[in-house]
Amino acid sequence: MEDEGKVIENYNGDPNKILFCLFDGHGGGEVSKFLQENISTYFKQMLPFQNHFEDFKNLFIKLDEKIRELNVPDCGSTATIVYIEKIKGKKILYCANIGDSRCVLVNNNGLMRLSYDDRVDDPKEKERIIKQGGVIFNNRVYGRLMLSRSFGDWTIKEYGVIAEPHITKIEINIS
């Protein structure tokens, strides 16, 4: 099993904050395990948000650089992180993801997709990879990975795999 998860209620000792994380490892469990064990420490460093888009991007890039130090070049992981905080009476949900672990919000209006599937068969991702000088064959980056974004996978980063997340921010109404 290469998958890991983490849920922290009362995040950072605050009952108005909760953190949900899902890491789907591939090529070994080292990257997903590292993320599960270290996400809270790195996440705390970006709070409070100054600019949630830039903060999440920087967090993911910093984590990816730390993963490089693990020296497991063919190991990687997707990530879906959901953070909910109550600010001035409003609940704000942030979802940041790379890879294809999907996050969906279910409410009275039906389903709302919060994540984005980062796969090479997506035309935008395929175009991004090719523009970066990446290589796709057998519908995989360098013939090896169907994902276009992930943590780790350092042997194919030069072919277009990145750790920059997709980010969603919405206000939710829950108790």
N, C-alpha and C. Protein backbone atom coordinates (compact mmCIF):
# COMPACT_ATOMS: atom_id res chain seq x y z
N MET A 1 0.84 -1.18 0.00
CA MET A 1 0.00 0.00 0.00
C MET A 1 0.88 1.24 0.00
N GLU A 2 0.69 2.11 -0.96
CA GLU A 2 1.51 3.31 -1.09
C GLU A 2 0.73 4.59 -0.79
N ASP A 3 -0.49 4.45 -0.28
CA ASP A 3 -1.35 5.60 -0.03
C ASP A 3 -1.30 5.99 1.44
N GLU A 4 -1.38 7.29 1.69
CA GLU A 4 -1.38 7.80 3.05
C GLU A 4 -2.41 8.92 3.15
N GLY A 5 -2.88 9.16 4.34
CA GLY A 5 -3.81 10.24 4.58
C GLY A 5 -3.58 10.85 5.94
N LYS A 6 -4.16 12.00 6.14
CA LYS A 6 -4.04 12.68 7.43
C LYS A 6 -5.22 13.61 7.58
N VAL A 7 -5.81 13.60 8.77
CA VAL A 7 -6.87 14.53 9.13
C VAL A 7 -6.49 15.13 10.46
N ILE A 8 -6.49 16.47 10.52
CA ILE A 8 -6.17 17.15 11.78
C ILE A 8 -7.31 18.11 12.09
N GLU A 9 -8.15 17.70 13.03
CA GLU A 9 -9.19 18.61 13.51
C GLU A 9 -8.54 19.57 14.49
N ASN A 10 -9.14 20.72 14.70
CA ASN A 10 -8.56 21.73 15.59
C ASN A 10 -7.12 22.00 15.20
N TYR A 11 -6.92 22.21 13.91
CA TYR A 11 -5.57 22.39 13.38
C TYR A 11 -4.85 23.52 14.10
N ASN A 12 -3.64 23.23 14.51
CA ASN A 12 -2.79 24.20 15.19
C ASN A 12 -3.46 24.69 16.49
N GLY A 13 -4.28 23.80 17.10
CA GLY A 13 -4.96 24.13 18.35
C GLY A 13 -6.17 25.03 18.20
N ASP A 14 -6.61 25.27 16.98
CA ASP A 14 -7.73 26.18 16.72
C ASP A 14 -8.96 25.37 16.29
N PRO A 15 -10.06 25.41 17.07
CA PRO A 15 -11.25 24.65 16.71
C PRO A 15 -11.94 25.14 15.43
N ASN A 16 -11.49 26.26 14.88
CA ASN A 16 -12.07 26.80 13.65
C ASN A 16 -11.29 26.38 12.41
N LYS A 17 -10.36 25.43 12.57
CA LYS A 17 -9.53 25.01 11.44
C LYS A 17 -9.44 23.50 11.37
N ILE A 18 -9.47 22.97 10.14
CA ILE A 18 -9.31 21.53 9.94
C ILE A 18 -8.53 21.30 8.65
N LEU A 19 -7.70 20.29 8.67
CA LEU A 19 -6.85 19.95 7.53
C LEU A 19 -7.08 18.49 7.14
N PHE A 20 -7.38 18.26 5.85
CA PHE A 20 -7.56 16.91 5.30
C PHE A 20 -6.50 16.71 4.22
N CYS A 21 -5.84 15.57 4.21
CA CYS A 21 -4.80 15.32 3.20
C CYS A 21 -4.91 13.88 2.69
N LEU A 22 -4.71 13.73 1.40
CA LEU A 22 -4.66 12.41 0.77
C LEU A 22 -3.46 12.37 -0.16
N PHE A 23 -2.63 11.35 0.01
CA PHE A 23 -1.43 11.18 -0.81
C PHE A 23 -1.45 9.78 -1.42
N ASP A 24 -1.48 9.73 -2.73
CA ASP A 24 -1.56 8.46 -3.47
C ASP A 24 -0.19 8.20 -4.09
N GLY A 25 0.58 7.35 -3.43
CA GLY A 25 1.95 7.07 -3.87
C GLY A 25 2.02 6.13 -5.05
N HIS A 26 3.13 6.22 -5.75
CA HIS A 26 3.42 5.29 -6.86
C HIS A 26 4.93 5.09 -6.95
N GLY A 27 5.33 3.91 -7.36
CA GLY A 27 6.76 3.59 -7.45
C GLY A 27 7.41 3.35 -6.10
N GLY A 28 6.59 3.18 -5.07
CA GLY A 28 7.07 3.01 -3.70
C GLY A 28 6.31 3.95 -2.79
N GLY A 29 6.37 3.71 -1.50
CA GLY A 29 5.61 4.50 -0.55
C GLY A 29 6.38 5.60 0.15
N GLU A 30 7.65 5.78 -0.19
CA GLU A 30 8.48 6.73 0.54
C GLU A 30 7.97 8.17 0.45
N VAL A 31 7.53 8.60 -0.73
CA VAL A 31 7.10 9.99 -0.91
C VAL A 31 5.78 10.24 -0.19
N SER A 32 4.81 9.36 -0.36
CA SER A 32 3.52 9.56 0.30
C SER A 32 3.68 9.50 1.82
N LYS A 33 4.54 8.66 2.32
CA LYS A 33 4.80 8.56 3.76
C LYS A 33 5.47 9.84 4.27
N PHE A 34 6.45 10.36 3.53
CA PHE A 34 7.10 11.62 3.91
C PHE A 34 6.07 12.74 4.00
N LEU A 35 5.19 12.82 3.01
CA LEU A 35 4.17 13.87 2.99
C LEU A 35 3.23 13.73 4.19
N GLN A 36 2.79 12.52 4.46
CA GLN A 36 1.88 12.28 5.58
C GLN A 36 2.53 12.69 6.90
N GLU A 37 3.81 12.40 7.06
CA GLU A 37 4.51 12.69 8.31
C GLU A 37 4.91 14.17 8.45
N ASN A 38 5.05 14.90 7.34
CA ASN A 38 5.61 16.25 7.39
C ASN A 38 4.69 17.37 6.95
N ILE A 39 3.53 17.06 6.41
CA ILE A 39 2.67 18.10 5.86
C ILE A 39 2.30 19.14 6.90
N SER A 40 1.99 18.73 8.10
CA SER A 40 1.55 19.68 9.13
C SER A 40 2.64 20.71 9.44
N THR A 41 3.87 20.27 9.56
CA THR A 41 4.98 21.17 9.86
C THR A 41 5.15 22.22 8.77
N TYR A 42 5.15 21.79 7.52
CA TYR A 42 5.35 22.72 6.41
C TYR A 42 4.12 23.60 6.19
N PHE A 43 2.94 23.04 6.41
CA PHE A 43 1.71 23.80 6.22
C PHE A 43 1.64 24.97 7.20
N LYS A 44 2.03 24.73 8.47
CA LYS A 44 2.01 25.78 9.49
C LYS A 44 2.84 26.99 9.08
N GLN A 45 3.90 26.75 8.34
CA GLN A 45 4.81 27.83 7.96
C GLN A 45 4.17 28.83 7.01
N MET A 46 3.10 28.46 6.34
CA MET A 46 2.49 29.40 5.39
C MET A 46 1.26 30.11 5.95
N LEU A 47 0.89 29.78 7.19
CA LEU A 47 -0.27 30.43 7.80
C LEU A 47 0.13 31.64 8.62
N PRO A 48 -0.67 32.68 8.72
CA PRO A 48 -1.91 32.84 7.98
C PRO A 48 -1.62 33.15 6.51
N PHE A 49 -2.57 32.81 5.64
CA PHE A 49 -2.39 33.05 4.22
C PHE A 49 -2.18 34.54 3.94
N GLN A 50 -1.21 34.84 3.15
CA GLN A 50 -1.05 36.19 2.61
C GLN A 50 -1.72 36.23 1.24
N ASN A 51 -1.40 35.22 0.43
CA ASN A 51 -2.00 35.03 -0.89
C ASN A 51 -2.10 33.52 -1.06
N HIS A 52 -3.29 32.97 -0.87
CA HIS A 52 -3.42 31.50 -0.82
C HIS A 52 -2.91 30.82 -2.08
N PHE A 53 -3.02 31.46 -3.24
CA PHE A 53 -2.52 30.84 -4.47
C PHE A 53 -0.99 30.73 -4.41
N GLU A 54 -0.33 31.81 -4.10
CA GLU A 54 1.14 31.80 -4.02
C GLU A 54 1.62 30.95 -2.86
N ASP A 55 0.91 31.02 -1.72
CA ASP A 55 1.32 30.25 -0.55
C ASP A 55 1.27 28.75 -0.82
N PHE A 56 0.18 28.27 -1.44
CA PHE A 56 0.10 26.84 -1.77
C PHE A 56 1.16 26.46 -2.81
N LYS A 57 1.35 27.28 -3.80
CA LYS A 57 2.36 26.99 -4.82
C LYS A 57 3.73 26.86 -4.16
N ASN A 58 4.09 27.80 -3.30
CA ASN A 58 5.38 27.76 -2.62
C ASN A 58 5.50 26.55 -1.70
N LEU A 59 4.41 26.21 -1.02
CA LEU A 59 4.41 25.02 -0.16
C LEU A 59 4.70 23.76 -0.97
N PHE A 60 4.02 23.59 -2.09
CA PHE A 60 4.20 22.39 -2.90
C PHE A 60 5.62 22.33 -3.48
N ILE A 61 6.14 23.45 -3.91
CA ILE A 61 7.50 23.46 -4.46
C ILE A 61 8.52 23.16 -3.37
N LYS A 62 8.32 23.73 -2.18
CA LYS A 62 9.24 23.47 -1.06
C LYS A 62 9.21 21.98 -0.67
N LEU A 63 8.01 21.41 -0.59
CA LEU A 63 7.90 19.99 -0.27
C LEU A 63 8.57 19.12 -1.33
N ASP A 64 8.39 19.48 -2.60
CA ASP A 64 8.99 18.70 -3.67
C ASP A 64 10.52 18.73 -3.59
N GLU A 65 11.07 19.88 -3.24
CA GLU A 65 12.54 19.97 -3.08
C GLU A 65 13.01 19.11 -1.91
N LYS A 66 12.25 19.08 -0.82
CA LYS A 66 12.60 18.24 0.33
C LYS A 66 12.54 16.76 -0.07
N ILE A 67 11.55 16.42 -0.89
CA ILE A 67 11.41 15.03 -1.34
C ILE A 67 12.61 14.61 -2.16
N ARG A 68 13.16 15.53 -2.91
CA ARG A 68 14.36 15.22 -3.71
C ARG A 68 15.48 14.70 -2.81
N GLU A 69 15.57 15.24 -1.59
CA GLU A 69 16.60 14.82 -0.64
C GLU A 69 16.41 13.39 -0.15
N LEU A 70 15.22 12.81 -0.34
CA LEU A 70 14.99 11.43 0.08
C LEU A 70 15.77 10.44 -0.78
N ASN A 71 16.18 10.89 -1.96
CA ASN A 71 16.94 10.06 -2.90
C ASN A 71 16.17 8.80 -3.30
N VAL A 72 14.91 9.02 -3.70
CA VAL A 72 14.08 7.95 -4.27
C VAL A 72 13.56 8.47 -5.60
N PRO A 73 14.43 8.54 -6.62
CA PRO A 73 14.13 9.26 -7.86
C PRO A 73 12.96 8.74 -8.68
N ASP A 74 12.59 7.49 -8.54
CA ASP A 74 11.50 6.92 -9.33
C ASP A 74 10.21 6.77 -8.52
N CYS A 75 10.16 7.38 -7.36
CA CYS A 75 9.01 7.30 -6.47
C CYS A 75 8.29 8.64 -6.48
N GLY A 76 6.96 8.61 -6.40
CA GLY A 76 6.20 9.86 -6.41
C GLY A 76 4.87 9.71 -5.71
N SER A 77 4.11 10.81 -5.72
CA SER A 77 2.80 10.79 -5.08
C SER A 77 1.94 11.92 -5.62
N THR A 78 0.64 11.65 -5.72
CA THR A 78 -0.32 12.71 -5.94
C THR A 78 -0.58 13.35 -4.57
N ALA A 79 -1.31 14.45 -4.56
CA ALA A 79 -1.68 15.07 -3.28
C ALA A 79 -2.97 15.86 -3.47
N THR A 80 -3.86 15.69 -2.53
CA THR A 80 -5.06 16.52 -2.45
C THR A 80 -5.15 16.99 -1.01
N ILE A 81 -5.09 18.31 -0.84
CA ILE A 81 -5.12 18.91 0.49
C ILE A 81 -6.32 19.85 0.57
N VAL A 82 -7.13 19.63 1.58
CA VAL A 82 -8.29 20.49 1.82
C VAL A 82 -8.11 21.11 3.20
N TYR A 83 -8.22 22.42 3.25
CA TYR A 83 -8.09 23.16 4.50
C TYR A 83 -9.33 24.04 4.64
N ILE A 84 -9.98 23.92 5.79
CA ILE A 84 -11.17 24.72 6.06
C ILE A 84 -10.91 25.55 7.30
N GLU A 85 -11.21 26.85 7.19
CA GLU A 85 -11.07 27.71 8.35
C GLU A 85 -12.26 28.66 8.43
N LYS A 86 -12.63 28.96 9.65
CA LYS A 86 -13.71 29.91 9.89
C LYS A 86 -13.09 31.26 10.17
N ILE A 87 -13.45 32.24 9.33
CA ILE A 87 -12.91 33.59 9.45
C ILE A 87 -14.08 34.57 9.48
N LYS A 88 -14.18 35.32 10.55
CA LYS A 88 -15.24 36.33 10.67
C LYS A 88 -16.62 35.75 10.35
N GLY A 89 -16.90 34.56 10.91
CA GLY A 89 -18.20 33.94 10.74
C GLY A 89 -18.42 33.20 9.43
N LYS A 90 -17.45 33.24 8.53
CA LYS A 90 -17.56 32.54 7.25
C LYS A 90 -16.60 31.36 7.22
N LYS A 91 -17.05 30.25 6.63
CA LYS A 91 -16.16 29.10 6.47
C LYS A 91 -15.61 29.12 5.05
N ILE A 92 -14.29 29.13 4.98
CA ILE A 92 -13.60 29.15 3.70
C ILE A 92 -12.92 27.80 3.49
N LEU A 93 -13.12 27.21 2.34
CA LEU A 93 -12.51 25.93 1.98
C LEU A 93 -11.48 26.19 0.88
N TYR A 94 -10.28 25.67 1.10
CA TYR A 94 -9.22 25.72 0.12
C TYR A 94 -8.92 24.28 -0.29
N CYS A 95 -8.80 24.04 -1.57
CA CYS A 95 -8.40 22.72 -2.06
C CYS A 95 -7.20 22.92 -2.98
N ALA A 96 -6.11 22.22 -2.70
CA ALA A 96 -4.92 22.27 -3.56
C ALA A 96 -4.59 20.83 -3.94
N ASN A 97 -4.34 20.61 -5.24
CA ASN A 97 -4.04 19.24 -5.65
C ASN A 97 -3.06 19.18 -6.80
N ILE A 98 -2.35 18.07 -6.84
CA ILE A 98 -1.56 17.66 -8.00
C ILE A 98 -1.83 16.18 -8.22
N GLY A 99 -1.84 15.78 -9.46
CA GLY A 99 -2.14 14.38 -9.77
C GLY A 99 -3.62 14.20 -10.04
N ASP A 100 -4.09 12.97 -9.82
CA ASP A 100 -5.47 12.68 -10.19
C ASP A 100 -6.31 12.13 -9.05
N SER A 101 -5.94 12.46 -7.81
CA SER A 101 -6.80 12.11 -6.68
C SER A 101 -7.87 13.18 -6.60
N ARG A 102 -9.09 12.80 -6.84
CA ARG A 102 -10.18 13.75 -7.03
C ARG A 102 -10.83 14.16 -5.71
N CYS A 103 -11.24 15.42 -5.64
CA CYS A 103 -11.96 15.96 -4.49
C CYS A 103 -13.27 16.57 -4.99
N VAL A 104 -14.37 16.14 -4.37
CA VAL A 104 -15.70 16.60 -4.77
C VAL A 104 -16.44 17.06 -3.52
N LEU A 105 -17.10 18.20 -3.62
CA LEU A 105 -17.94 18.71 -2.55
C LEU A 105 -19.38 18.34 -2.87
N VAL A 106 -20.05 17.74 -1.91
CA VAL A 106 -21.45 17.37 -2.08
C VAL A 106 -22.27 18.30 -1.19
N ASN A 107 -23.26 18.97 -1.79
CA ASN A 107 -24.15 19.84 -1.02
C ASN A 107 -25.57 19.73 -1.57
N ASN A 108 -26.45 20.59 -1.10
CA ASN A 108 -27.86 20.54 -1.53
C ASN A 108 -28.03 20.79 -3.02
N ASN A 109 -27.07 21.44 -3.64
CA ASN A 109 -27.14 21.72 -5.08
C ASN A 109 -26.55 20.61 -5.93
N GLY A 110 -26.04 19.56 -5.30
CA GLY A 110 -25.45 18.45 -6.04
C GLY A 110 -23.96 18.33 -5.78
N LEU A 111 -23.21 18.08 -6.84
CA LEU A 111 -21.76 17.86 -6.75
C LEU A 111 -21.00 19.05 -7.31
N MET A 112 -19.90 19.37 -6.67
CA MET A 112 -19.01 20.41 -7.18
C MET A 112 -17.59 19.87 -7.13
N ARG A 113 -16.97 19.78 -8.27
CA ARG A 113 -15.60 19.29 -8.34
C ARG A 113 -14.65 20.37 -7.87
N LEU A 114 -13.77 20.04 -6.93
CA LEU A 114 -12.82 21.00 -6.38
C LEU A 114 -11.41 20.80 -6.89
N SER A 115 -11.10 19.61 -7.37
CA SER A 115 -9.75 19.30 -7.84
C SER A 115 -9.71 19.19 -9.36
N TYR A 116 -8.52 19.04 -9.87
CA TYR A 116 -8.30 18.95 -11.31
C TYR A 116 -7.45 17.72 -11.57
N ASP A 117 -7.83 16.89 -12.53
CA ASP A 117 -7.03 15.70 -12.85
C ASP A 117 -5.85 16.08 -13.74
N ASP A 118 -4.67 15.94 -13.20
CA ASP A 118 -3.44 16.26 -13.94
C ASP A 118 -2.93 15.01 -14.64
N ARG A 119 -3.36 14.85 -15.88
CA ARG A 119 -2.96 13.67 -16.66
C ARG A 119 -2.52 14.14 -18.05
N VAL A 120 -1.68 13.36 -18.67
CA VAL A 120 -1.15 13.76 -19.98
C VAL A 120 -2.19 13.71 -21.09
N ASP A 121 -3.32 13.05 -20.87
CA ASP A 121 -4.35 13.05 -21.90
C ASP A 121 -5.21 14.31 -21.86
N ASP A 122 -4.99 15.19 -20.88
CA ASP A 122 -5.66 16.49 -20.85
C ASP A 122 -4.94 17.41 -21.84
N PRO A 123 -5.67 18.00 -22.78
CA PRO A 123 -5.02 18.83 -23.81
C PRO A 123 -4.18 19.98 -23.25
N LYS A 124 -4.65 20.65 -22.20
CA LYS A 124 -3.88 21.75 -21.61
C LYS A 124 -2.57 21.25 -20.99
N GLU A 125 -2.64 20.13 -20.30
CA GLU A 125 -1.43 19.58 -19.67
C GLU A 125 -0.46 19.08 -20.74
N LYS A 126 -0.99 18.44 -21.77
CA LYS A 126 -0.15 17.95 -22.85
C LYS A 126 0.58 19.12 -23.53
N GLU A 127 -0.15 20.19 -23.79
CA GLU A 127 0.45 21.37 -24.42
C GLU A 127 1.52 21.99 -23.51
N ARG A 128 1.24 22.07 -22.20
CA ARG A 128 2.21 22.62 -21.25
C ARG A 128 3.50 21.81 -21.25
N ILE A 129 3.36 20.50 -21.22
CA ILE A 129 4.53 19.61 -21.19
C ILE A 129 5.36 19.79 -22.46
N ILE A 130 4.72 19.80 -23.60
CA ILE A 130 5.44 19.93 -24.87
C ILE A 130 6.12 21.30 -24.96
N LYS A 131 5.43 22.37 -24.52
CA LYS A 131 6.03 23.71 -24.53
C LYS A 131 7.27 23.79 -23.64
N GLN A 132 7.29 22.98 -22.57
CA GLN A 132 8.43 22.96 -21.66
C GLN A 132 9.55 22.06 -22.17
N GLY A 133 9.36 21.50 -23.35
CA GLY A 133 10.36 20.61 -23.90
C GLY A 133 10.21 19.17 -23.44
N GLY A 134 9.05 18.87 -22.86
CA GLY A 134 8.80 17.52 -22.38
C GLY A 134 8.49 16.55 -23.50
N VAL A 135 8.47 15.29 -23.14
CA VAL A 135 8.27 14.23 -24.11
C VAL A 135 7.12 13.34 -23.64
N ILE A 136 6.17 13.08 -24.55
CA ILE A 136 5.07 12.18 -24.25
C ILE A 136 5.03 11.08 -25.30
N PHE A 137 5.09 9.86 -24.84
CA PHE A 137 4.82 8.73 -25.73
C PHE A 137 4.16 7.63 -24.93
N ASN A 138 3.40 6.79 -25.62
CA ASN A 138 2.55 5.78 -24.98
C ASN A 138 1.60 6.44 -23.97
N ASN A 139 1.18 7.69 -24.28
CA ASN A 139 0.28 8.46 -23.43
C ASN A 139 0.80 8.62 -22.00
N ARG A 140 2.12 8.74 -21.89
CA ARG A 140 2.78 8.92 -20.60
C ARG A 140 3.95 9.88 -20.77
N VAL A 141 4.27 10.63 -19.70
CA VAL A 141 5.45 11.49 -19.72
C VAL A 141 6.67 10.58 -19.84
N TYR A 142 7.45 10.81 -20.89
CA TYR A 142 8.65 10.02 -21.19
C TYR A 142 8.34 8.51 -21.20
N GLY A 143 7.09 8.19 -21.51
CA GLY A 143 6.68 6.79 -21.60
C GLY A 143 6.50 6.11 -20.25
N ARG A 144 6.56 6.89 -19.15
CA ARG A 144 6.57 6.26 -17.82
C ARG A 144 5.43 6.63 -16.89
N LEU A 145 4.94 7.89 -16.95
CA LEU A 145 3.98 8.35 -15.94
C LEU A 145 2.78 9.01 -16.61
N MET A 146 1.57 8.53 -16.28
CA MET A 146 0.35 9.11 -16.85
C MET A 146 0.04 10.48 -16.25
N LEU A 147 0.57 10.74 -15.07
CA LEU A 147 0.34 12.02 -14.40
C LEU A 147 1.24 13.09 -14.99
N SER A 148 0.73 14.31 -15.04
CA SER A 148 1.54 15.42 -15.52
C SER A 148 2.08 16.26 -14.37
N ARG A 149 1.52 16.06 -13.17
CA ARG A 149 1.98 16.77 -11.98
C ARG A 149 2.02 15.80 -10.82
N SER A 150 3.09 15.86 -10.05
CA SER A 150 3.21 14.99 -8.88
C SER A 150 4.36 15.47 -8.01
N PHE A 151 4.37 14.98 -6.78
CA PHE A 151 5.54 15.12 -5.93
C PHE A 151 6.50 14.00 -6.30
N GLY A 152 7.80 14.30 -6.21
CA GLY A 152 8.79 13.27 -6.50
C GLY A 152 8.95 13.05 -8.00
N ASP A 153 9.16 11.79 -8.38
CA ASP A 153 9.35 11.42 -9.79
C ASP A 153 10.49 12.23 -10.42
N TRP A 154 11.58 12.35 -9.68
CA TRP A 154 12.67 13.23 -10.10
C TRP A 154 13.37 12.79 -11.37
N THR A 155 13.31 11.53 -11.75
CA THR A 155 13.98 11.11 -12.99
C THR A 155 13.27 11.61 -14.24
N ILE A 156 12.03 12.09 -14.08
CA ILE A 156 11.32 12.60 -15.26
C ILE A 156 10.85 14.05 -15.11
N LYS A 157 11.31 14.76 -14.10
CA LYS A 157 10.95 16.18 -13.95
C LYS A 157 11.36 16.97 -15.19
N GLU A 158 12.51 16.67 -15.75
CA GLU A 158 13.00 17.42 -16.90
C GLU A 158 12.11 17.23 -18.14
N TYR A 159 11.23 16.25 -18.11
CA TYR A 159 10.34 15.98 -19.25
C TYR A 159 8.94 16.57 -19.05
N GLY A 160 8.77 17.42 -18.04
CA GLY A 160 7.51 18.14 -17.91
C GLY A 160 6.67 17.87 -16.68
N VAL A 161 7.08 16.97 -15.81
CA VAL A 161 6.32 16.71 -14.58
C VAL A 161 6.66 17.81 -13.57
N ILE A 162 5.62 18.48 -13.06
CA ILE A 162 5.84 19.57 -12.11
C ILE A 162 5.02 19.33 -10.84
N ALA A 163 5.32 20.12 -9.81
CA ALA A 163 4.60 20.00 -8.54
C ALA A 163 3.78 21.25 -8.24
N GLU A 164 3.44 22.02 -9.27
CA GLU A 164 2.63 23.22 -9.06
C GLU A 164 1.16 22.82 -8.97
N PRO A 165 0.49 23.18 -7.88
CA PRO A 165 -0.88 22.71 -7.67
C PRO A 165 -1.95 23.54 -8.37
N HIS A 166 -3.10 22.91 -8.52
CA HIS A 166 -4.33 23.60 -8.88
C HIS A 166 -4.98 23.97 -7.55
N ILE A 167 -5.56 25.16 -7.46
CA ILE A 167 -6.08 25.63 -6.19
C ILE A 167 -7.49 26.17 -6.36
N THR A 168 -8.37 25.76 -5.46
CA THR A 168 -9.75 26.23 -5.44
C THR A 168 -10.01 26.86 -4.07
N LYS A 169 -10.70 27.97 -4.07
CA LYS A 169 -11.12 28.62 -2.82
C LYS A 169 -12.59 28.93 -2.94
N ILE A 170 -13.39 28.45 -1.97
CA ILE A 170 -14.82 28.74 -1.98
C ILE A 170 -15.31 28.97 -0.54
N GLU A 171 -16.40 29.66 -0.43
CA GLU A 171 -17.07 29.81 0.86
C GLU A 171 -18.10 28.70 0.95
N ILE A 172 -18.15 28.05 2.11
CA ILE A 172 -19.11 26.96 2.31
C ILE A 172 -20.01 27.27 3.50
N ASN A 173 -21.15 26.64 3.51
CA ASN A 173 -22.11 26.80 4.61
C ASN A 173 -22.32 25.45 5.27
N ILE A 174 -21.55 25.20 6.32
CA ILE A 174 -21.72 23.99 7.12
C ILE A 174 -21.62 24.37 8.59
N SER A 175 -22.13 23.51 9.44
CA SER A 175 -22.01 23.80 10.86
C SER A 175 -20.81 23.09 11.45
